[in-house]
Amino acid sequence: MSKDKKKNKDDDERAARDEERAIERYGIDERTLTPIGLTTPGGRFVPEAVVNVVRFVWLGTWIALFAGTQTTAALIVMFAWIAANGAYENHRKKLRRERKRQIQRHIAARGGDPTALDATADVPAALAGAPAVPAAPIGVEPSSSSAPAAQPAQAGLSASPAERALARTLRRVESSDRFERRDAVLVGELADVLFPLLAKVAEPGADPLVRRDVETIATEHLPDSIDAFLALPAEHVRTSRNTAGRTPLEELRRQLDLLLTGCEQLQEAVLRSDVARQQAQSRFLEEKFRPSGLDL
């Protein structure tokens, strides 16, 4: 078993234990929680135990086909299993996240601390340590014991204005009591994408248009979304609705989702640029050093 798979399995088992303890401690009715499993097109729910039986039978089928030298059929069944298994794992993670949010709401309603349910497990690296970062003057490094690893200035590097703006936004979100945990996590996921992107587009030869878009998200779009939400009265963010029928909190989540989508698209653009640059280098080297071009 690879380290990543083992870690995922350990995390999953720990999360299940945390859920069980919270359900027992706070007397939560499991019927109010999202069940783990699949819903068929006909609307019938299939529990995870049954899904796992199907997965193992499916796995055994393509192994048996390989053993019986029915290679073509085995390959078809194998690739179908890989695709279905991956899709189910992604679906299962979404259900787990939703279930965790529901348990946290139950805990909060009973006067408990919802963050006690392994609250940092879903918190991206960029956000997990953000509250501990002191608001030090530019040019003065915070101590290495308190600063989050995602910020380049902590490694002795000079942070760019966009990186400092992003760090400030992270601290505002984490220090405010106006954001639900899921929204803070979403901002952290954005930062986990943006910090490496900002470093990448600052390299020589980076596409200036991509650099502009990435920096604009960090310095304008994300802070503007956060500022607009915080400017509203706390009592209105979950009750009042705009002309589109969304509450301010729903509008914020929509904006964060759009920004995350934009960041992922910019990631793809940077990757395509790197691939094209590598191909161009190969063509250059072929022209210069291929045997037919050497001066003998």
C-alpha atoms as a PDB file:
ATOM      1  CA  MET A   1       0.000   0.000   0.000  1.00  0.00           C
ATOM      2  CA  SER A   2       1.414   3.413  -0.959  1.00  0.00           C
ATOM      3  CA  LYS A   3       1.988   6.088   1.680  1.00  0.00           C
ATOM      4  CA  ASP A   4      -0.788   8.265   0.219  1.00  0.00           C
ATOM      5  CA  LYS A   5      -3.322   5.412   0.270  1.00  0.00           C
ATOM      6  CA  LYS A   6      -2.333   4.457   3.804  1.00  0.00           C
ATOM      7  CA  LYS A   7      -2.666   8.067   4.952  1.00  0.00           C
ATOM      8  CA  ASN A   8      -6.089   8.379   3.317  1.00  0.00           C
ATOM      9  CA  LYS A   9      -7.209   5.147   4.978  1.00  0.00           C
ATOM     10  CA  ASP A  10      -5.908   6.277   8.379  1.00  0.00           C
ATOM     11  CA  ASP A  11      -7.585   9.688   7.997  1.00  0.00           C
ATOM     12  CA  ASP A  12     -10.853   8.026   7.040  1.00  0.00           C
ATOM     13  CA  GLU A  13     -10.762   5.668  10.010  1.00  0.00           C
ATOM     14  CA  ARG A  14      -9.932   8.536  12.374  1.00  0.00           C
ATOM     15  CA  ALA A  15     -12.784  10.639  10.988  1.00  0.00           C
ATOM     16  CA  ALA A  16     -15.203   7.722  11.451  1.00  0.00           C
ATOM     17  CA  ARG A  17     -14.097   7.296  15.074  1.00  0.00           C
ATOM     18  CA  ASP A  18     -14.481  11.033  15.718  1.00  0.00           C
ATOM     19  CA  GLU A  19     -17.988  10.906  14.249  1.00  0.00           C
ATOM     20  CA  GLU A  20     -18.981   7.947  16.414  1.00  0.00           C
ATOM     21  CA  ARG A  21     -17.734   9.663  19.573  1.00  0.00           C
ATOM     22  CA  ALA A  22     -19.556  12.904  18.703  1.00  0.00           C
ATOM     23  CA  ILE A  23     -22.811  11.090  17.868  1.00  0.00           C
ATOM     24  CA  GLU A  24     -22.696   9.199  21.160  1.00  0.00           C
ATOM     25  CA  ARG A  25     -21.608  12.169  23.273  1.00  0.00           C
ATOM     26  CA  TYR A  26     -24.208  14.623  21.966  1.00  0.00           C
ATOM     27  CA  GLY A  27     -27.017  12.136  21.399  1.00  0.00           C
ATOM     28  CA  ILE A  28     -27.286  12.884  17.687  1.00  0.00           C
ATOM     29  CA  ASP A  29     -29.932  10.974  15.746  1.00  0.00           C
ATOM     30  CA  GLU A  30     -28.070   9.359  12.838  1.00  0.00           C
ATOM     31  CA  ARG A  31     -31.236   9.476  10.767  1.00  0.00           C
ATOM     32  CA  THR A  32     -30.740  13.255  10.506  1.00  0.00           C
ATOM     33  CA  LEU A  33     -27.286  12.778   8.938  1.00  0.00           C
ATOM     34  CA  THR A  34     -26.408  12.176   5.304  1.00  0.00           C
ATOM     35  CA  PRO A  35     -25.943   8.412   4.867  1.00  0.00           C
ATOM     36  CA  ILE A  36     -22.867   7.074   3.120  1.00  0.00           C
ATOM     37  CA  GLY A  37     -23.652   5.141  -0.026  1.00  0.00           C
ATOM     38  CA  LEU A  38     -25.180   5.564  -3.472  1.00  0.00           C
ATOM     39  CA  THR A  39     -28.583   6.569  -4.781  1.00  0.00           C
ATOM     40  CA  THR A  40     -29.627   4.694  -7.929  1.00  0.00           C
ATOM     41  CA  PRO A  41     -31.220   6.510 -10.899  1.00  0.00           C
ATOM     42  CA  GLY A  42     -34.529   5.052  -9.709  1.00  0.00           C
ATOM     43  CA  GLY A  43     -34.148   6.809  -6.348  1.00  0.00           C
ATOM     44  CA  ARG A  44     -33.282   3.741  -4.287  1.00  0.00           C
ATOM     45  CA  PHE A  45     -30.527   4.182  -1.706  1.00  0.00           C
ATOM     46  CA  VAL A  46     -27.752   1.579  -1.580  1.00  0.00           C
ATOM     47  CA  PRO A  47     -25.765   1.607   1.705  1.00  0.00           C
ATOM     48  CA  GLU A  48     -21.991   1.610   1.637  1.00  0.00           C
ATOM     49  CA  ALA A  49     -21.737  -1.973   2.896  1.00  0.00           C
ATOM     50  CA  VAL A  50     -23.577  -3.174  -0.208  1.00  0.00           C
ATOM     51  CA  VAL A  51     -21.550  -0.863  -2.464  1.00  0.00           C
ATOM     52  CA  ASN A  52     -18.337  -2.330  -1.060  1.00  0.00           C
ATOM     53  CA  VAL A  53     -19.541  -5.878  -1.763  1.00  0.00           C
ATOM     54  CA  VAL A  54     -20.225  -4.893  -5.380  1.00  0.00           C
ATOM     55  CA  ARG A  55     -16.784  -3.271  -5.636  1.00  0.00           C
ATOM     56  CA  PHE A  56     -15.002  -6.383  -4.367  1.00  0.00           C
ATOM     57  CA  VAL A  57     -17.010  -8.709  -6.586  1.00  0.00           C
ATOM     58  CA  TRP A  58     -16.245  -6.454  -9.563  1.00  0.00           C
ATOM     59  CA  LEU A  59     -12.548  -6.473  -8.635  1.00  0.00           C
ATOM     60  CA  GLY A  60     -12.559 -10.251  -8.354  1.00  0.00           C
ATOM     61  CA  THR A  61     -14.271 -10.557 -11.744  1.00  0.00           C
ATOM     62  CA  TRP A  62     -11.546  -8.810 -13.749  1.00  0.00           C
ATOM     63  CA  ILE A  63      -8.826 -10.630 -11.821  1.00  0.00           C
ATOM     64  CA  ALA A  64     -10.521 -13.937 -12.683  1.00  0.00           C
ATOM     65  CA  LEU A  65     -10.817 -12.901 -16.333  1.00  0.00           C
ATOM     66  CA  PHE A  66      -7.097 -12.148 -16.451  1.00  0.00           C
ATOM     67  CA  ALA A  67      -6.361 -15.492 -14.842  1.00  0.00           C
ATOM     68  CA  GLY A  68      -8.536 -17.162 -17.479  1.00  0.00           C
ATOM     69  CA  THR A  69      -6.529 -15.426 -20.258  1.00  0.00           C
ATOM     70  CA  GLN A  70      -9.602 -13.481 -21.411  1.00  0.00           C
ATOM     71  CA  THR A  71      -7.461 -10.393 -21.728  1.00  0.00           C
ATOM     72  CA  THR A  72      -9.774  -8.183 -23.797  1.00  0.00           C
ATOM     73  CA  ALA A  73     -12.774  -8.687 -21.514  1.00  0.00           C
ATOM     74  CA  ALA A  74     -10.526  -8.328 -18.458  1.00  0.00           C
ATOM     75  CA  LEU A  75      -9.181  -4.990 -19.659  1.00  0.00           C
ATOM     76  CA  ILE A  76     -12.682  -3.642 -20.318  1.00  0.00           C
ATOM     77  CA  VAL A  77     -13.894  -4.711 -16.870  1.00  0.00           C
ATOM     78  CA  MET A  78     -10.707  -3.426 -15.228  1.00  0.00           C
ATOM     79  CA  PHE A  79     -10.859   0.078 -16.728  1.00  0.00           C
ATOM     80  CA  ALA A  80     -14.583   0.286 -15.970  1.00  0.00           C
ATOM     81  CA  TRP A  81     -13.833  -0.695 -12.350  1.00  0.00           C
ATOM     82  CA  ILE A  82     -11.075   1.906 -12.043  1.00  0.00           C
ATOM     83  CA  ALA A  83     -13.358   4.663 -13.355  1.00  0.00           C
ATOM     84  CA  ALA A  84     -16.310   3.632 -11.193  1.00  0.00           C
ATOM     85  CA  ASN A  85     -14.139   3.190  -8.106  1.00  0.00           C
ATOM     86  CA  GLY A  86     -12.590   6.635  -8.507  1.00  0.00           C
ATOM     87  CA  ALA A  87     -15.976   8.252  -9.047  1.00  0.00           C
ATOM     88  CA  TYR A  88     -17.384   6.588  -5.934  1.00  0.00           C
ATOM     89  CA  GLU A  89     -14.430   7.668  -3.794  1.00  0.00           C
ATOM     90  CA  ASN A  90     -14.939  11.292  -4.867  1.00  0.00           C
ATOM     91  CA  HIS A  91     -18.674  10.975  -4.172  1.00  0.00           C
ATOM     92  CA  ARG A  92     -17.940   9.430  -0.790  1.00  0.00           C
ATOM     93  CA  LYS A  93     -15.606  12.276   0.196  1.00  0.00           C
ATOM     94  CA  LYS A  94     -18.349  14.807  -0.572  1.00  0.00           C
ATOM     95  CA  LEU A  95     -20.823  12.846   1.559  1.00  0.00           C
ATOM     96  CA  ARG A  96     -18.292  12.675   4.400  1.00  0.00           C
ATOM     97  CA  ARG A  97     -17.748  16.434   4.290  1.00  0.00           C
ATOM     98  CA  GLU A  98     -21.507  17.095   4.311  1.00  0.00           C
ATOM     99  CA  ARG A  99     -22.017  14.638   7.159  1.00  0.00           C
ATOM    100  CA  LYS A 100     -19.281  16.319   9.156  1.00  0.00           C
ATOM    101  CA  ARG A 101     -20.882  19.752   8.678  1.00  0.00           C
ATOM    102  CA  GLN A 102     -24.220  18.344   9.855  1.00  0.00           C
ATOM    103  CA  ILE A 103     -22.632  16.873  12.996  1.00  0.00           C
ATOM    104  CA  GLN A 104     -20.921  20.194  13.699  1.00  0.00           C
ATOM    105  CA  ARG A 105     -24.274  21.981  13.444  1.00  0.00           C
ATOM    106  CA  HIS A 106     -25.805  19.497  15.908  1.00  0.00           C
ATOM    107  CA  ILE A 107     -22.903  20.045  18.302  1.00  0.00           C
ATOM    108  CA  ALA A 108     -23.248  23.832  18.055  1.00  0.00           C
ATOM    109  CA  ALA A 109     -27.023  23.594  18.671  1.00  0.00           C
ATOM    110  CA  ARG A 110     -26.312  21.663  21.877  1.00  0.00           C
ATOM    111  CA  GLY A 111     -23.850  24.265  23.120  1.00  0.00           C
ATOM    112  CA  GLY A 112     -20.721  22.310  22.258  1.00  0.00           C
ATOM    113  CA  ASP A 113     -17.647  23.323  20.296  1.00  0.00           C
ATOM    114  CA  PRO A 114     -18.142  22.236  16.651  1.00  0.00           C
ATOM    115  CA  THR A 115     -14.450  22.727  15.871  1.00  0.00           C
ATOM    116  CA  ALA A 116     -13.645  19.926  18.305  1.00  0.00           C
ATOM    117  CA  LEU A 117     -14.761  17.395  15.677  1.00  0.00           C
ATOM    118  CA  ASP A 118     -11.273  17.146  14.188  1.00  0.00           C
ATOM    119  CA  ALA A 119     -11.775  20.693  12.890  1.00  0.00           C
ATOM    120  CA  THR A 120      -8.362  21.012  11.300  1.00  0.00           C
ATOM    121  CA  ALA A 121      -8.648  17.850   9.220  1.00  0.00           C
ATOM    122  CA  ASP A 122     -10.299  19.666   6.327  1.00  0.00           C
ATOM    123  CA  VAL A 123      -8.446  22.945   6.748  1.00  0.00           C
ATOM    124  CA  PRO A 124      -6.014  23.635   3.899  1.00  0.00           C
ATOM    125  CA  ALA A 125      -2.383  24.277   4.767  1.00  0.00           C
ATOM    126  CA  ALA A 126      -2.567  27.964   3.866  1.00  0.00           C
ATOM    127  CA  LEU A 127      -5.363  28.570   6.356  1.00  0.00           C
ATOM    128  CA  ALA A 128      -4.566  26.235   9.203  1.00  0.00           C
ATOM    129  CA  GLY A 129      -1.920  28.497  10.742  1.00  0.00           C
ATOM    130  CA  ALA A 130      -3.146  31.864   9.536  1.00  0.00           C
ATOM    131  CA  PRO A 131      -4.505  33.165  12.870  1.00  0.00           C
ATOM    132  CA  ALA A 132      -1.126  32.740  14.504  1.00  0.00           C
ATOM    133  CA  VAL A 133       0.619  35.050  12.051  1.00  0.00           C
ATOM    134  CA  PRO A 134       1.282  38.412  13.695  1.00  0.00           C
ATOM    135  CA  ALA A 135       0.579  41.495  11.652  1.00  0.00           C
ATOM    136  CA  ALA A 136       4.251  42.357  11.409  1.00  0.00           C
ATOM    137  CA  PRO A 137       5.478  45.359   9.409  1.00  0.00           C
ATOM    138  CA  ILE A 138       6.630  44.650   5.896  1.00  0.00           C
ATOM    139  CA  GLY A 139      10.227  43.515   5.920  1.00  0.00           C
ATOM    140  CA  VAL A 140      10.031  42.041   9.446  1.00  0.00           C
ATOM    141  CA  GLU A 141       9.740  38.264   9.410  1.00  0.00           C
ATOM    142  CA  PRO A 142       7.334  36.609  11.838  1.00  0.00           C
ATOM    143  CA  SER A 143       8.824  33.881  14.001  1.00  0.00           C
ATOM    144  CA  SER A 144       9.115  30.497  12.360  1.00  0.00           C
ATOM    145  CA  SER A 145       7.211  28.838  15.212  1.00  0.00           C
ATOM    146  CA  SER A 146       3.974  30.695  14.492  1.00  0.00           C
ATOM    147  CA  ALA A 147       3.901  31.401  10.769  1.00  0.00           C
ATOM    148  CA  PRO A 148       2.045  29.186   8.286  1.00  0.00           C
ATOM    149  CA  ALA A 149       4.208  27.207   5.900  1.00  0.00           C
ATOM    150  CA  ALA A 150       2.331  28.389   2.837  1.00  0.00           C
ATOM    151  CA  GLN A 151       3.642  31.943   3.034  1.00  0.00           C
ATOM    152  CA  PRO A 152       6.950  32.426   1.229  1.00  0.00           C
ATOM    153  CA  ALA A 153       8.219  35.135   3.554  1.00  0.00           C
ATOM    154  CA  GLN A 154       8.590  32.565   6.298  1.00  0.00           C
ATOM    155  CA  ALA A 155      11.318  30.777   4.373  1.00  0.00           C
ATOM    156  CA  GLY A 156      13.393  33.931   4.254  1.00  0.00           C
ATOM    157  CA  LEU A 157      12.069  35.000   0.860  1.00  0.00           C
ATOM    158  CA  SER A 158      10.626  38.424   0.134  1.00  0.00           C
ATOM    159  CA  ALA A 159       6.864  38.197  -0.236  1.00  0.00           C
ATOM    160  CA  SER A 160       5.312  40.010  -3.173  1.00  0.00           C
ATOM    161  CA  PRO A 161       2.474  42.540  -2.688  1.00  0.00           C
ATOM    162  CA  ALA A 162       0.005  39.937  -3.988  1.00  0.00           C
ATOM    163  CA  GLU A 163       1.248  37.334  -1.498  1.00  0.00           C
ATOM    164  CA  ARG A 164       0.992  39.814   1.368  1.00  0.00           C
ATOM    165  CA  ALA A 165      -2.533  40.754   0.269  1.00  0.00           C
ATOM    166  CA  LEU A 166      -3.525  37.101   0.211  1.00  0.00           C
ATOM    167  CA  ALA A 167      -2.045  36.525   3.682  1.00  0.00           C
ATOM    168  CA  ARG A 168      -3.998  39.501   5.036  1.00  0.00           C
ATOM    169  CA  THR A 169      -7.217  38.110   3.580  1.00  0.00           C
ATOM    170  CA  LEU A 170      -6.549  34.740   5.212  1.00  0.00           C
ATOM    171  CA  ARG A 171      -6.038  36.376   8.603  1.00  0.00           C
ATOM    172  CA  ARG A 172      -9.249  38.405   8.240  1.00  0.00           C
ATOM    173  CA  VAL A 173     -11.292  35.317   7.449  1.00  0.00           C
ATOM    174  CA  GLU A 174      -9.834  33.178  10.204  1.00  0.00           C
ATOM    175  CA  SER A 175     -10.067  35.881  12.879  1.00  0.00           C
ATOM    176  CA  SER A 176     -13.687  36.770  12.052  1.00  0.00           C
ATOM    177  CA  ASP A 177     -16.661  34.995  13.623  1.00  0.00           C
ATOM    178  CA  ARG A 178     -18.831  35.815  10.604  1.00  0.00           C
ATOM    179  CA  PHE A 179     -17.668  32.851   8.523  1.00  0.00           C
ATOM    180  CA  GLU A 180     -18.811  29.274   8.889  1.00  0.00           C
ATOM    181  CA  ARG A 181     -16.052  26.701   8.912  1.00  0.00           C
ATOM    182  CA  ARG A 182     -16.918  25.472   5.419  1.00  0.00           C
ATOM    183  CA  ASP A 183     -16.451  29.004   4.052  1.00  0.00           C
ATOM    184  CA  ALA A 184     -13.128  29.456   5.833  1.00  0.00           C
ATOM    185  CA  VAL A 185     -11.998  26.127   4.405  1.00  0.00           C
ATOM    186  CA  LEU A 186     -13.018  27.220   0.896  1.00  0.00           C
ATOM    187  CA  VAL A 187     -10.964  30.405   1.236  1.00  0.00           C
ATOM    188  CA  GLY A 188      -8.067  28.250   2.418  1.00  0.00           C
ATOM    189  CA  GLU A 189      -8.395  26.004  -0.626  1.00  0.00           C
ATOM    190  CA  LEU A 190      -8.200  29.106  -2.798  1.00  0.00           C
ATOM    191  CA  ALA A 191      -5.033  30.181  -1.003  1.00  0.00           C
ATOM    192  CA  ASP A 192      -3.504  26.713  -1.405  1.00  0.00           C
ATOM    193  CA  VAL A 193      -3.872  27.156  -5.160  1.00  0.00           C
ATOM    194  CA  LEU A 194      -2.964  30.845  -5.268  1.00  0.00           C
ATOM    195  CA  PHE A 195       0.285  30.831  -3.259  1.00  0.00           C
ATOM    196  CA  PRO A 196       2.086  28.369  -5.602  1.00  0.00           C
ATOM    197  CA  LEU A 197       0.567  30.106  -8.624  1.00  0.00           C
ATOM    198  CA  LEU A 198       1.843  33.496  -7.483  1.00  0.00           C
ATOM    199  CA  ALA A 199       5.332  32.055  -7.081  1.00  0.00           C
ATOM    200  CA  LYS A 200       5.125  30.362 -10.493  1.00  0.00           C
ATOM    201  CA  VAL A 201       3.971  33.427 -12.446  1.00  0.00           C
ATOM    202  CA  ALA A 202       6.711  35.511 -10.834  1.00  0.00           C
ATOM    203  CA  GLU A 203       9.358  33.403 -12.590  1.00  0.00           C
ATOM    204  CA  PRO A 204      11.140  34.800 -15.664  1.00  0.00           C
ATOM    205  CA  GLY A 205       9.328  33.998 -18.893  1.00  0.00           C
ATOM    206  CA  ALA A 206       5.913  33.620 -17.293  1.00  0.00           C
ATOM    207  CA  ASP A 207       2.910  34.728 -19.336  1.00  0.00           C
ATOM    208  CA  PRO A 208       2.213  38.348 -18.307  1.00  0.00           C
ATOM    209  CA  LEU A 209      -1.532  37.951 -18.903  1.00  0.00           C
ATOM    210  CA  VAL A 210      -1.713  34.926 -16.624  1.00  0.00           C
ATOM    211  CA  ARG A 211       0.414  36.773 -14.042  1.00  0.00           C
ATOM    212  CA  ARG A 212      -1.978  39.709 -14.147  1.00  0.00           C
ATOM    213  CA  ASP A 213      -5.031  37.478 -13.699  1.00  0.00           C
ATOM    214  CA  VAL A 214      -3.503  35.554 -10.785  1.00  0.00           C
ATOM    215  CA  GLU A 215      -2.371  38.705  -8.990  1.00  0.00           C
ATOM    216  CA  THR A 216      -5.741  40.377  -9.567  1.00  0.00           C
ATOM    217  CA  ILE A 217      -7.535  37.470  -7.880  1.00  0.00           C
ATOM    218  CA  ALA A 218      -5.225  37.741  -4.849  1.00  0.00           C
ATOM    219  CA  THR A 219      -5.231  41.531  -4.554  1.00  0.00           C
ATOM    220  CA  GLU A 220      -8.709  42.511  -5.760  1.00  0.00           C
ATOM    221  CA  HIS A 221     -11.302  39.829  -6.474  1.00  0.00           C
ATOM    222  CA  LEU A 222     -10.923  37.751  -3.297  1.00  0.00           C
ATOM    223  CA  PRO A 223     -10.508  40.717  -0.904  1.00  0.00           C
ATOM    224  CA  ASP A 224     -13.465  42.486  -2.565  1.00  0.00           C
ATOM    225  CA  SER A 225     -15.698  39.448  -2.026  1.00  0.00           C
ATOM    226  CA  ILE A 226     -14.656  39.189   1.624  1.00  0.00           C
ATOM    227  CA  ASP A 227     -15.035  42.952   2.215  1.00  0.00           C
ATOM    228  CA  ALA A 228     -18.491  43.065   0.634  1.00  0.00           C
ATOM    229  CA  PHE A 229     -19.659  40.210   2.865  1.00  0.00           C
ATOM    230  CA  LEU A 230     -18.213  41.712   6.062  1.00  0.00           C
ATOM    231  CA  ALA A 231     -19.767  45.097   5.270  1.00  0.00           C
ATOM    232  CA  LEU A 232     -23.262  43.638   5.632  1.00  0.00           C
ATOM    233  CA  PRO A 233     -25.023  43.467   9.016  1.00  0.00           C
ATOM    234  CA  ALA A 234     -24.524  40.071  10.635  1.00  0.00           C
ATOM    235  CA  GLU A 235     -28.254  39.528  11.099  1.00  0.00           C
ATOM    236  CA  HIS A 236     -28.924  39.845   7.350  1.00  0.00           C
ATOM    237  CA  VAL A 237     -26.324  37.509   5.834  1.00  0.00           C
ATOM    238  CA  ARG A 238     -28.384  34.338   6.298  1.00  0.00           C
ATOM    239  CA  THR A 239     -31.920  35.697   6.025  1.00  0.00           C
ATOM    240  CA  SER A 240     -32.225  38.521   3.500  1.00  0.00           C
ATOM    241  CA  ARG A 241     -32.240  37.687  -0.191  1.00  0.00           C
ATOM    242  CA  ASN A 242     -31.084  39.603  -3.243  1.00  0.00           C
ATOM    243  CA  THR A 243     -32.870  39.910  -6.580  1.00  0.00           C
ATOM    244  CA  ALA A 244     -31.416  36.545  -7.645  1.00  0.00           C
ATOM    245  CA  GLY A 245     -33.003  34.876  -4.613  1.00  0.00           C
ATOM    246  CA  ARG A 246     -29.710  34.211  -2.823  1.00  0.00           C
ATOM    247  CA  THR A 247     -28.727  35.218   0.696  1.00  0.00           C
ATOM    248  CA  PRO A 248     -25.459  37.166   1.140  1.00  0.00           C
ATOM    249  CA  LEU A 249     -23.849  34.000   2.526  1.00  0.00           C
ATOM    250  CA  GLU A 250     -24.953  31.999  -0.522  1.00  0.00           C
ATOM    251  CA  GLU A 251     -23.696  34.793  -2.764  1.00  0.00           C
ATOM    252  CA  LEU A 252     -20.301  34.694  -1.052  1.00  0.00           C
ATOM    253  CA  ARG A 253     -20.062  30.932  -1.530  1.00  0.00           C
ATOM    254  CA  ARG A 254     -20.969  31.328  -5.196  1.00  0.00           C
ATOM    255  CA  GLN A 255     -18.210  33.918  -5.627  1.00  0.00           C
ATOM    256  CA  LEU A 256     -15.655  31.727  -3.844  1.00  0.00           C
ATOM    257  CA  ASP A 257     -16.590  28.763  -6.047  1.00  0.00           C
ATOM    258  CA  LEU A 258     -16.170  30.909  -9.162  1.00  0.00           C
ATOM    259  CA  LEU A 259     -12.795  32.190  -7.966  1.00  0.00           C
ATOM    260  CA  LEU A 260     -11.630  28.648  -7.250  1.00  0.00           C
ATOM    261  CA  THR A 261     -12.726  27.591 -10.741  1.00  0.00           C
ATOM    262  CA  GLY A 262     -10.813  30.540 -12.195  1.00  0.00           C
ATOM    263  CA  CYS A 263      -7.683  29.604 -10.253  1.00  0.00           C
ATOM    264  CA  GLU A 264      -7.876  26.027 -11.488  1.00  0.00           C
ATOM    265  CA  GLN A 265      -8.195  27.271 -15.067  1.00  0.00           C
ATOM    266  CA  LEU A 266      -5.120  29.462 -14.570  1.00  0.00           C
ATOM    267  CA  GLN A 267      -3.283  26.445 -13.176  1.00  0.00           C
ATOM    268  CA  GLU A 268      -4.079  24.609 -16.403  1.00  0.00           C
ATOM    269  CA  ALA A 269      -2.859  27.568 -18.460  1.00  0.00           C
ATOM    270  CA  VAL A 270       0.460  27.587 -16.577  1.00  0.00           C
ATOM    271  CA  LEU A 271       0.816  23.840 -17.088  1.00  0.00           C
ATOM    272  CA  ARG A 272       0.131  24.134 -20.819  1.00  0.00           C
ATOM    273  CA  SER A 273       2.706  26.912 -21.047  1.00  0.00           C
ATOM    274  CA  ASP A 274       5.326  24.765 -19.285  1.00  0.00           C
ATOM    275  CA  VAL A 275       4.587  21.830 -21.597  1.00  0.00           C
ATOM    276  CA  ALA A 276       4.860  24.065 -24.674  1.00  0.00           C
ATOM    277  CA  ARG A 277       8.157  25.502 -23.396  1.00  0.00           C
ATOM    278  CA  GLN A 278       9.567  22.001 -22.896  1.00  0.00           C
ATOM    279  CA  GLN A 279       8.505  20.981 -26.406  1.00  0.00           C
ATOM    280  CA  ALA A 280      10.091  24.097 -27.856  1.00  0.00           C
ATOM    281  CA  GLN A 281      13.344  23.249 -26.071  1.00  0.00           C
ATOM    282  CA  SER A 282      13.258  19.741 -27.516  1.00  0.00           C
ATOM    283  CA  ARG A 283      12.777  21.117 -31.035  1.00  0.00           C
ATOM    284  CA  PHE A 284      15.635  23.548 -30.518  1.00  0.00           C
ATOM    285  CA  LEU A 285      17.970  20.793 -29.308  1.00  0.00           C
ATOM    286  CA  GLU A 286      16.969  18.509 -32.169  1.00  0.00           C
ATOM    287  CA  GLU A 287      17.740  21.219 -34.697  1.00  0.00           C
ATOM    288  CA  LYS A 288      21.061  22.017 -33.078  1.00  0.00           C
ATOM    289  CA  PHE A 289      22.412  18.608 -32.080  1.00  0.00           C
ATOM    290  CA  ARG A 290      20.734  15.908 -34.165  1.00  0.00           C
ATOM    291  CA  PRO A 291      23.377  13.820 -36.029  1.00  0.00           C
ATOM    292  CA  SER A 292      22.583  15.179 -39.485  1.00  0.00           C
ATOM    293  CA  GLY A 293      23.275  18.715 -38.275  1.00  0.00           C
ATOM    294  CA  LEU A 294      26.642  18.111 -36.645  1.00  0.00           C
ATOM    295  CA  ASP A 295      29.745  19.511 -38.282  1.00  0.00           C
ATOM    296  CA  LEU A 296      32.129  16.561 -38.619  1.00  0.00           C
END
